[in-house]
Amino acid sequence: MSDEAKPTDIRGFEYDWLGCDAVGKVAFFSTAGGGYAPEEFLRDTDLFEAAIDILLACPLTTKARFAPQLSPGYENTWQLLAERGVFAYDSDPHGGPYRLVAAPEVPASLGHLPQGVVAVVRRIHFRDLHLADSPEIASERLARR
């Protein structure tokens, strides 16, 4: 997708983005075609996609405490990111809150991630959010940073 996408441009399509919480823990969000997407992400979706690819290329650092089981042949991005210390959330095609679908045993901090990823993640900082205590995050909460 090109720069400066609009929420209506991504409606119905799966897009993924990253953000961090009040204490520097990192989250991966899958829109599922209907989830909230921050303006910072919409300005350059390719930048976030590249940062996610960098994370996926990093070595495993922990185990996933839990992750969904997918059918054979599907890549479980949520689990793969949880195994790199990232909390993974999924939304719903009809909107609604993001739900935690995979969590790391040992969450990564921003200081332990590649610099290129850190620069992207810091664009979306949730100052009043603590991922370790957030099994569900309402869109309204994500919108007010």
N, C-alpha and C. Protein backbone atom coordinates (compact mmCIF):
# COMPACT_ATOMS: atom_id res chain seq x y z
N MET A 1 0.85 -1.17 0.00
CA MET A 1 0.00 0.00 0.00
C MET A 1 0.89 1.22 0.00
N SER A 2 0.45 2.24 -0.66
CA SER A 2 1.24 3.47 -0.73
C SER A 2 1.10 4.30 0.54
N ASP A 3 1.90 5.36 0.62
CA ASP A 3 1.84 6.28 1.75
C ASP A 3 0.45 6.90 1.84
N GLU A 4 0.13 7.41 3.05
CA GLU A 4 -1.10 8.15 3.30
C GLU A 4 -2.36 7.36 3.00
N ALA A 5 -2.45 6.13 3.46
CA ALA A 5 -3.68 5.36 3.34
C ALA A 5 -4.72 5.94 4.29
N LYS A 6 -5.97 5.65 4.03
CA LYS A 6 -7.07 6.09 4.89
C LYS A 6 -7.69 4.84 5.52
N PRO A 7 -8.36 5.00 6.67
CA PRO A 7 -9.01 3.84 7.29
C PRO A 7 -9.94 3.10 6.33
N THR A 8 -10.61 3.83 5.45
CA THR A 8 -11.52 3.16 4.51
C THR A 8 -10.75 2.40 3.44
N ASP A 9 -9.50 2.79 3.17
CA ASP A 9 -8.68 2.08 2.18
C ASP A 9 -8.31 0.68 2.64
N ILE A 10 -8.20 0.48 3.93
CA ILE A 10 -7.76 -0.82 4.44
C ILE A 10 -8.92 -1.67 4.95
N ARG A 11 -10.12 -1.11 5.05
CA ARG A 11 -11.29 -1.86 5.53
C ARG A 11 -11.49 -3.10 4.67
N GLY A 12 -11.62 -4.24 5.31
CA GLY A 12 -11.82 -5.49 4.59
C GLY A 12 -10.54 -6.22 4.23
N PHE A 13 -9.39 -5.60 4.52
CA PHE A 13 -8.09 -6.22 4.23
C PHE A 13 -7.30 -6.37 5.52
N GLU A 14 -6.50 -7.40 5.58
CA GLU A 14 -5.65 -7.65 6.75
C GLU A 14 -4.42 -6.76 6.68
N TYR A 15 -4.23 -5.97 7.71
CA TYR A 15 -3.03 -5.16 7.86
C TYR A 15 -2.48 -5.35 9.26
N ASP A 16 -1.17 -5.26 9.37
CA ASP A 16 -0.51 -5.46 10.65
C ASP A 16 0.33 -4.25 11.00
N TRP A 17 0.36 -3.92 12.29
CA TRP A 17 1.14 -2.77 12.75
C TRP A 17 1.70 -3.06 14.13
N LEU A 18 2.62 -2.21 14.57
CA LEU A 18 3.32 -2.39 15.84
C LEU A 18 3.14 -1.15 16.71
N GLY A 19 3.24 -1.35 18.02
CA GLY A 19 3.22 -0.25 18.96
C GLY A 19 3.87 -0.68 20.26
N CYS A 20 4.05 0.25 21.19
CA CYS A 20 4.65 -0.10 22.48
C CYS A 20 3.83 0.51 23.61
N ASP A 21 3.99 -0.07 24.79
CA ASP A 21 3.20 0.37 25.94
C ASP A 21 4.00 1.32 26.83
N ALA A 22 3.45 1.62 27.99
CA ALA A 22 4.04 2.60 28.91
C ALA A 22 5.42 2.21 29.40
N VAL A 23 5.73 0.91 29.43
CA VAL A 23 7.02 0.44 29.95
C VAL A 23 7.94 -0.11 28.86
N GLY A 24 7.61 0.17 27.58
CA GLY A 24 8.49 -0.22 26.49
C GLY A 24 8.34 -1.65 26.00
N LYS A 25 7.24 -2.31 26.34
CA LYS A 25 6.97 -3.63 25.78
C LYS A 25 6.28 -3.45 24.43
N VAL A 26 6.47 -4.41 23.54
CA VAL A 26 6.05 -4.26 22.14
C VAL A 26 4.85 -5.15 21.84
N ALA A 27 3.95 -4.62 21.00
CA ALA A 27 2.78 -5.38 20.56
C ALA A 27 2.67 -5.35 19.04
N PHE A 28 2.15 -6.44 18.52
CA PHE A 28 1.83 -6.63 17.12
C PHE A 28 0.31 -6.68 17.04
N PHE A 29 -0.27 -5.89 16.15
CA PHE A 29 -1.72 -5.83 15.99
C PHE A 29 -2.11 -6.23 14.58
N SER A 30 -3.04 -7.19 14.45
CA SER A 30 -3.60 -7.61 13.16
C SER A 30 -5.01 -7.04 13.05
N THR A 31 -5.28 -6.27 12.01
CA THR A 31 -6.58 -5.61 11.90
C THR A 31 -7.72 -6.56 11.57
N ALA A 32 -7.44 -7.70 10.97
CA ALA A 32 -8.46 -8.68 10.56
C ALA A 32 -9.49 -8.06 9.60
N GLY A 33 -9.15 -6.94 9.02
CA GLY A 33 -10.04 -6.30 8.07
C GLY A 33 -10.99 -5.28 8.67
N GLY A 34 -11.08 -5.24 10.01
CA GLY A 34 -12.02 -4.31 10.63
C GLY A 34 -11.49 -3.58 11.84
N GLY A 35 -10.29 -3.93 12.29
CA GLY A 35 -9.75 -3.33 13.50
C GLY A 35 -9.24 -1.91 13.30
N TYR A 36 -9.17 -1.19 14.39
CA TYR A 36 -8.66 0.17 14.41
C TYR A 36 -7.22 0.20 13.90
N ALA A 37 -6.89 1.23 13.14
CA ALA A 37 -5.52 1.43 12.65
C ALA A 37 -5.13 2.89 12.90
N PRO A 38 -4.04 3.14 13.62
CA PRO A 38 -3.61 4.51 13.93
C PRO A 38 -3.15 5.27 12.68
N GLU A 39 -3.34 6.58 12.73
CA GLU A 39 -2.91 7.42 11.60
C GLU A 39 -1.42 7.28 11.32
N GLU A 40 -0.60 7.14 12.36
CA GLU A 40 0.85 6.99 12.16
C GLU A 40 1.16 5.76 11.31
N PHE A 41 0.41 4.71 11.50
CA PHE A 41 0.58 3.50 10.69
C PHE A 41 0.10 3.76 9.26
N LEU A 42 -1.05 4.39 9.13
CA LEU A 42 -1.65 4.62 7.81
C LEU A 42 -0.79 5.53 6.94
N ARG A 43 0.04 6.37 7.54
CA ARG A 43 0.91 7.26 6.76
C ARG A 43 1.95 6.49 5.97
N ASP A 44 2.36 5.32 6.49
CA ASP A 44 3.38 4.54 5.78
C ASP A 44 3.28 3.07 6.19
N THR A 45 2.32 2.38 5.62
CA THR A 45 2.09 0.97 5.96
C THR A 45 3.29 0.10 5.59
N ASP A 46 4.00 0.47 4.52
CA ASP A 46 5.16 -0.31 4.10
C ASP A 46 6.27 -0.29 5.15
N LEU A 47 6.43 0.83 5.83
CA LEU A 47 7.44 0.95 6.88
C LEU A 47 7.17 -0.05 8.01
N PHE A 48 5.91 -0.18 8.41
CA PHE A 48 5.55 -1.12 9.47
C PHE A 48 5.71 -2.56 9.00
N GLU A 49 5.37 -2.83 7.76
CA GLU A 49 5.54 -4.17 7.20
C GLU A 49 7.02 -4.56 7.21
N ALA A 50 7.88 -3.64 6.86
CA ALA A 50 9.32 -3.91 6.86
C ALA A 50 9.83 -4.18 8.28
N ALA A 51 9.34 -3.42 9.26
CA ALA A 51 9.76 -3.64 10.64
C ALA A 51 9.30 -5.01 11.15
N ILE A 52 8.11 -5.42 10.76
CA ILE A 52 7.61 -6.74 11.15
C ILE A 52 8.48 -7.82 10.52
N ASP A 53 8.86 -7.64 9.26
CA ASP A 53 9.74 -8.61 8.59
C ASP A 53 11.09 -8.72 9.31
N ILE A 54 11.61 -7.58 9.77
CA ILE A 54 12.88 -7.60 10.51
C ILE A 54 12.71 -8.40 11.80
N LEU A 55 11.63 -8.16 12.52
CA LEU A 55 11.37 -8.92 13.76
C LEU A 55 11.29 -10.41 13.48
N LEU A 56 10.58 -10.78 12.44
CA LEU A 56 10.42 -12.20 12.11
C LEU A 56 11.75 -12.86 11.72
N ALA A 57 12.69 -12.08 11.24
CA ALA A 57 14.00 -12.61 10.88
C ALA A 57 14.94 -12.72 12.08
N CYS A 58 14.56 -12.14 13.21
CA CYS A 58 15.37 -12.21 14.43
C CYS A 58 15.31 -13.62 15.03
N PRO A 59 16.33 -14.00 15.77
CA PRO A 59 16.29 -15.31 16.42
C PRO A 59 15.23 -15.35 17.54
N LEU A 60 14.79 -16.56 17.83
CA LEU A 60 13.83 -16.75 18.93
C LEU A 60 14.51 -16.36 20.24
N THR A 61 13.75 -15.73 21.12
CA THR A 61 14.31 -15.32 22.41
C THR A 61 13.55 -15.91 23.60
N THR A 62 12.38 -16.46 23.36
CA THR A 62 11.55 -16.99 24.43
C THR A 62 10.55 -17.97 23.84
N LYS A 63 9.68 -18.49 24.66
CA LYS A 63 8.59 -19.34 24.20
C LYS A 63 7.29 -18.55 24.30
N ALA A 64 6.32 -18.96 23.51
CA ALA A 64 4.99 -18.36 23.61
C ALA A 64 4.27 -19.03 24.78
N ARG A 65 3.70 -18.22 25.67
CA ARG A 65 2.89 -18.77 26.76
C ARG A 65 1.65 -19.44 26.19
N PHE A 66 1.08 -18.85 25.15
CA PHE A 66 -0.05 -19.42 24.43
C PHE A 66 -0.10 -18.78 23.05
N ALA A 67 -0.70 -19.48 22.11
CA ALA A 67 -0.88 -18.99 20.75
C ALA A 67 -1.93 -19.88 20.10
N PRO A 68 -2.67 -19.36 19.14
CA PRO A 68 -3.69 -20.18 18.48
C PRO A 68 -3.04 -21.27 17.63
N GLN A 69 -3.74 -22.36 17.49
CA GLN A 69 -3.31 -23.42 16.59
C GLN A 69 -3.92 -23.15 15.22
N LEU A 70 -3.10 -23.12 14.20
CA LEU A 70 -3.58 -22.88 12.85
C LEU A 70 -3.52 -24.16 12.04
N SER A 71 -4.30 -24.22 10.99
CA SER A 71 -4.28 -25.38 10.10
C SER A 71 -2.91 -25.52 9.46
N PRO A 72 -2.53 -26.76 9.12
CA PRO A 72 -1.24 -26.96 8.45
C PRO A 72 -1.16 -26.10 7.18
N GLY A 73 0.02 -25.57 6.94
CA GLY A 73 0.24 -24.76 5.76
C GLY A 73 0.10 -23.27 6.00
N TYR A 74 -0.40 -22.89 7.17
CA TYR A 74 -0.54 -21.47 7.51
C TYR A 74 0.57 -21.06 8.46
N GLU A 75 1.19 -19.92 8.19
CA GLU A 75 2.24 -19.42 9.08
C GLU A 75 1.58 -18.73 10.27
N ASN A 76 1.99 -19.10 11.46
CA ASN A 76 1.41 -18.53 12.68
C ASN A 76 2.26 -17.32 13.10
N THR A 77 2.01 -16.19 12.48
CA THR A 77 2.77 -14.98 12.75
C THR A 77 2.64 -14.56 14.20
N TRP A 78 1.45 -14.73 14.79
CA TRP A 78 1.26 -14.38 16.19
C TRP A 78 2.22 -15.15 17.09
N GLN A 79 2.31 -16.46 16.88
CA GLN A 79 3.22 -17.28 17.68
C GLN A 79 4.67 -16.93 17.41
N LEU A 80 5.02 -16.74 16.14
CA LEU A 80 6.40 -16.41 15.79
C LEU A 80 6.85 -15.11 16.46
N LEU A 81 5.97 -14.13 16.53
CA LEU A 81 6.33 -12.87 17.18
C LEU A 81 6.36 -13.02 18.70
N ALA A 82 5.45 -13.79 19.26
CA ALA A 82 5.48 -14.05 20.71
C ALA A 82 6.81 -14.72 21.08
N GLU A 83 7.32 -15.58 20.20
CA GLU A 83 8.60 -16.25 20.46
C GLU A 83 9.80 -15.31 20.30
N ARG A 84 9.52 -14.10 19.91
CA ARG A 84 10.55 -13.05 19.83
C ARG A 84 10.28 -11.95 20.86
N GLY A 85 9.37 -12.26 21.81
CA GLY A 85 9.10 -11.36 22.92
C GLY A 85 8.00 -10.34 22.71
N VAL A 86 7.23 -10.48 21.64
CA VAL A 86 6.21 -9.49 21.28
C VAL A 86 4.81 -10.03 21.61
N PHE A 87 3.98 -9.18 22.23
CA PHE A 87 2.58 -9.52 22.47
C PHE A 87 1.85 -9.43 21.15
N ALA A 88 0.96 -10.37 20.84
CA ALA A 88 0.25 -10.38 19.56
C ALA A 88 -1.26 -10.30 19.78
N TYR A 89 -1.87 -9.33 19.10
CA TYR A 89 -3.30 -9.07 19.21
C TYR A 89 -3.97 -9.22 17.85
N ASP A 90 -5.23 -9.65 17.87
CA ASP A 90 -6.02 -9.75 16.66
C ASP A 90 -7.34 -9.04 16.88
N SER A 91 -7.86 -8.44 15.85
CA SER A 91 -9.16 -7.78 15.93
C SER A 91 -10.21 -8.67 15.29
N ASP A 92 -11.21 -8.07 14.71
CA ASP A 92 -12.34 -8.79 14.14
C ASP A 92 -12.68 -8.14 12.80
N PRO A 93 -13.14 -8.92 11.83
CA PRO A 93 -13.50 -8.31 10.55
C PRO A 93 -14.57 -7.23 10.68
N HIS A 94 -15.34 -7.27 11.75
CA HIS A 94 -16.42 -6.29 11.95
C HIS A 94 -16.01 -5.18 12.91
N GLY A 95 -14.74 -5.11 13.26
CA GLY A 95 -14.25 -4.10 14.20
C GLY A 95 -14.24 -4.66 15.61
N GLY A 96 -14.40 -3.79 16.56
CA GLY A 96 -14.39 -4.24 17.95
C GLY A 96 -13.00 -4.19 18.53
N PRO A 97 -12.86 -4.74 19.73
CA PRO A 97 -11.57 -4.65 20.42
C PRO A 97 -10.53 -5.60 19.82
N TYR A 98 -9.28 -5.31 20.15
CA TYR A 98 -8.20 -6.24 19.86
C TYR A 98 -8.12 -7.21 21.04
N ARG A 99 -7.90 -8.49 20.74
CA ARG A 99 -7.78 -9.51 21.77
C ARG A 99 -6.39 -10.15 21.70
N LEU A 100 -5.81 -10.35 22.87
CA LEU A 100 -4.49 -10.99 22.96
C LEU A 100 -4.62 -12.44 22.51
N VAL A 101 -3.88 -12.82 21.47
CA VAL A 101 -3.96 -14.18 20.95
C VAL A 101 -2.66 -14.96 21.14
N ALA A 102 -1.56 -14.25 21.43
CA ALA A 102 -0.29 -14.92 21.70
C ALA A 102 0.54 -14.00 22.60
N ALA A 103 1.16 -14.62 23.61
CA ALA A 103 1.95 -13.83 24.55
C ALA A 103 3.28 -14.51 24.82
N PRO A 104 4.34 -13.73 24.96
CA PRO A 104 5.66 -14.30 25.24
C PRO A 104 5.81 -14.65 26.72
N GLU A 105 6.60 -15.67 27.01
CA GLU A 105 6.96 -15.96 28.41
C GLU A 105 7.78 -14.81 28.96
N VAL A 106 8.73 -14.33 28.16
CA VAL A 106 9.59 -13.22 28.56
C VAL A 106 9.43 -12.11 27.51
N PRO A 107 8.69 -11.05 27.85
CA PRO A 107 8.49 -9.97 26.88
C PRO A 107 9.79 -9.22 26.59
N ALA A 108 9.95 -8.85 25.33
CA ALA A 108 11.11 -8.05 24.92
C ALA A 108 10.86 -6.58 25.24
N SER A 109 11.92 -5.88 25.53
CA SER A 109 11.87 -4.43 25.70
C SER A 109 12.43 -3.78 24.45
N LEU A 110 12.06 -2.55 24.24
CA LEU A 110 12.54 -1.83 23.05
C LEU A 110 14.06 -1.86 22.92
N GLY A 111 14.76 -1.75 24.04
CA GLY A 111 16.21 -1.73 24.01
C GLY A 111 16.86 -3.00 23.50
N HIS A 112 16.09 -4.09 23.39
CA HIS A 112 16.64 -5.36 22.93
C HIS A 112 16.25 -5.69 21.49
N LEU A 113 15.66 -4.73 20.82
CA LEU A 113 15.24 -4.97 19.43
C LEU A 113 16.13 -4.21 18.47
N PRO A 114 16.18 -4.64 17.20
CA PRO A 114 16.98 -3.91 16.20
C PRO A 114 16.54 -2.45 16.11
N GLN A 115 17.50 -1.56 15.94
CA GLN A 115 17.23 -0.12 15.93
C GLN A 115 16.17 0.27 14.91
N GLY A 116 16.19 -0.35 13.74
CA GLY A 116 15.18 -0.03 12.72
C GLY A 116 13.77 -0.34 13.18
N VAL A 117 13.62 -1.39 13.96
CA VAL A 117 12.31 -1.75 14.51
C VAL A 117 11.92 -0.75 15.60
N VAL A 118 12.86 -0.42 16.46
CA VAL A 118 12.60 0.51 17.57
C VAL A 118 12.07 1.84 17.04
N ALA A 119 12.70 2.37 16.00
CA ALA A 119 12.27 3.65 15.44
C ALA A 119 10.82 3.60 14.96
N VAL A 120 10.42 2.49 14.39
CA VAL A 120 9.04 2.34 13.91
C VAL A 120 8.08 2.16 15.08
N VAL A 121 8.43 1.29 16.00
CA VAL A 121 7.55 1.01 17.14
C VAL A 121 7.29 2.27 17.96
N ARG A 122 8.29 3.10 18.14
CA ARG A 122 8.13 4.32 18.95
C ARG A 122 7.15 5.32 18.35
N ARG A 123 6.82 5.16 17.08
CA ARG A 123 5.84 6.05 16.45
C ARG A 123 4.46 5.89 17.08
N ILE A 124 4.19 4.70 17.64
CA ILE A 124 2.88 4.43 18.23
C ILE A 124 3.10 3.98 19.67
N HIS A 125 3.08 4.95 20.57
CA HIS A 125 3.38 4.72 21.99
C HIS A 125 2.12 4.95 22.82
N PHE A 126 1.70 3.93 23.53
CA PHE A 126 0.52 4.00 24.38
C PHE A 126 0.98 4.25 25.81
N ARG A 127 0.92 5.49 26.23
CA ARG A 127 1.47 5.91 27.52
C ARG A 127 0.73 5.37 28.74
N ASP A 128 -0.54 5.02 28.59
CA ASP A 128 -1.31 4.53 29.74
C ASP A 128 -1.68 3.06 29.62
N LEU A 129 -1.02 2.34 28.73
CA LEU A 129 -1.33 0.94 28.49
C LEU A 129 -0.20 0.05 28.99
N HIS A 130 -0.58 -1.07 29.62
CA HIS A 130 0.38 -2.09 30.06
C HIS A 130 -0.05 -3.40 29.42
N LEU A 131 0.70 -3.84 28.42
CA LEU A 131 0.34 -5.02 27.65
C LEU A 131 0.19 -6.27 28.51
N ALA A 132 1.05 -6.42 29.51
CA ALA A 132 0.99 -7.62 30.36
C ALA A 132 -0.34 -7.74 31.10
N ASP A 133 -1.05 -6.63 31.24
CA ASP A 133 -2.34 -6.61 31.94
C ASP A 133 -3.50 -6.33 30.99
N SER A 134 -3.33 -6.57 29.70
CA SER A 134 -4.34 -6.17 28.72
C SER A 134 -4.73 -7.32 27.79
N PRO A 135 -5.60 -8.22 28.25
CA PRO A 135 -6.04 -9.31 27.37
C PRO A 135 -6.96 -8.82 26.25
N GLU A 136 -7.53 -7.63 26.43
CA GLU A 136 -8.40 -7.04 25.42
C GLU A 136 -8.19 -5.53 25.46
N ILE A 137 -8.11 -4.92 24.27
CA ILE A 137 -7.89 -3.48 24.19
C ILE A 137 -8.94 -2.88 23.24
N ALA A 138 -9.76 -2.00 23.78
CA ALA A 138 -10.79 -1.34 22.97
C ALA A 138 -10.14 -0.37 22.00
N SER A 139 -10.75 -0.23 20.85
CA SER A 139 -10.26 0.70 19.83
C SER A 139 -10.16 2.12 20.38
N GLU A 140 -11.14 2.51 21.19
CA GLU A 140 -11.16 3.85 21.75
C GLU A 140 -9.91 4.10 22.61
N ARG A 141 -9.48 3.08 23.32
CA ARG A 141 -8.28 3.20 24.16
C ARG A 141 -7.04 3.36 23.30
N LEU A 142 -6.98 2.67 22.19
CA LEU A 142 -5.83 2.78 21.29
C LEU A 142 -5.80 4.14 20.60
N ALA A 143 -6.97 4.70 20.35
CA ALA A 143 -7.05 5.98 19.64
C ALA A 143 -6.61 7.16 20.51
N ARG A 144 -6.68 7.02 21.83
CA ARG A 144 -6.29 8.14 22.71
C ARG A 144 -4.95 7.83 23.35
N ARG A 145 -3.90 8.26 22.74
CA ARG A 145 -2.57 8.00 23.27
C ARG A 145 -2.12 9.23 23.97
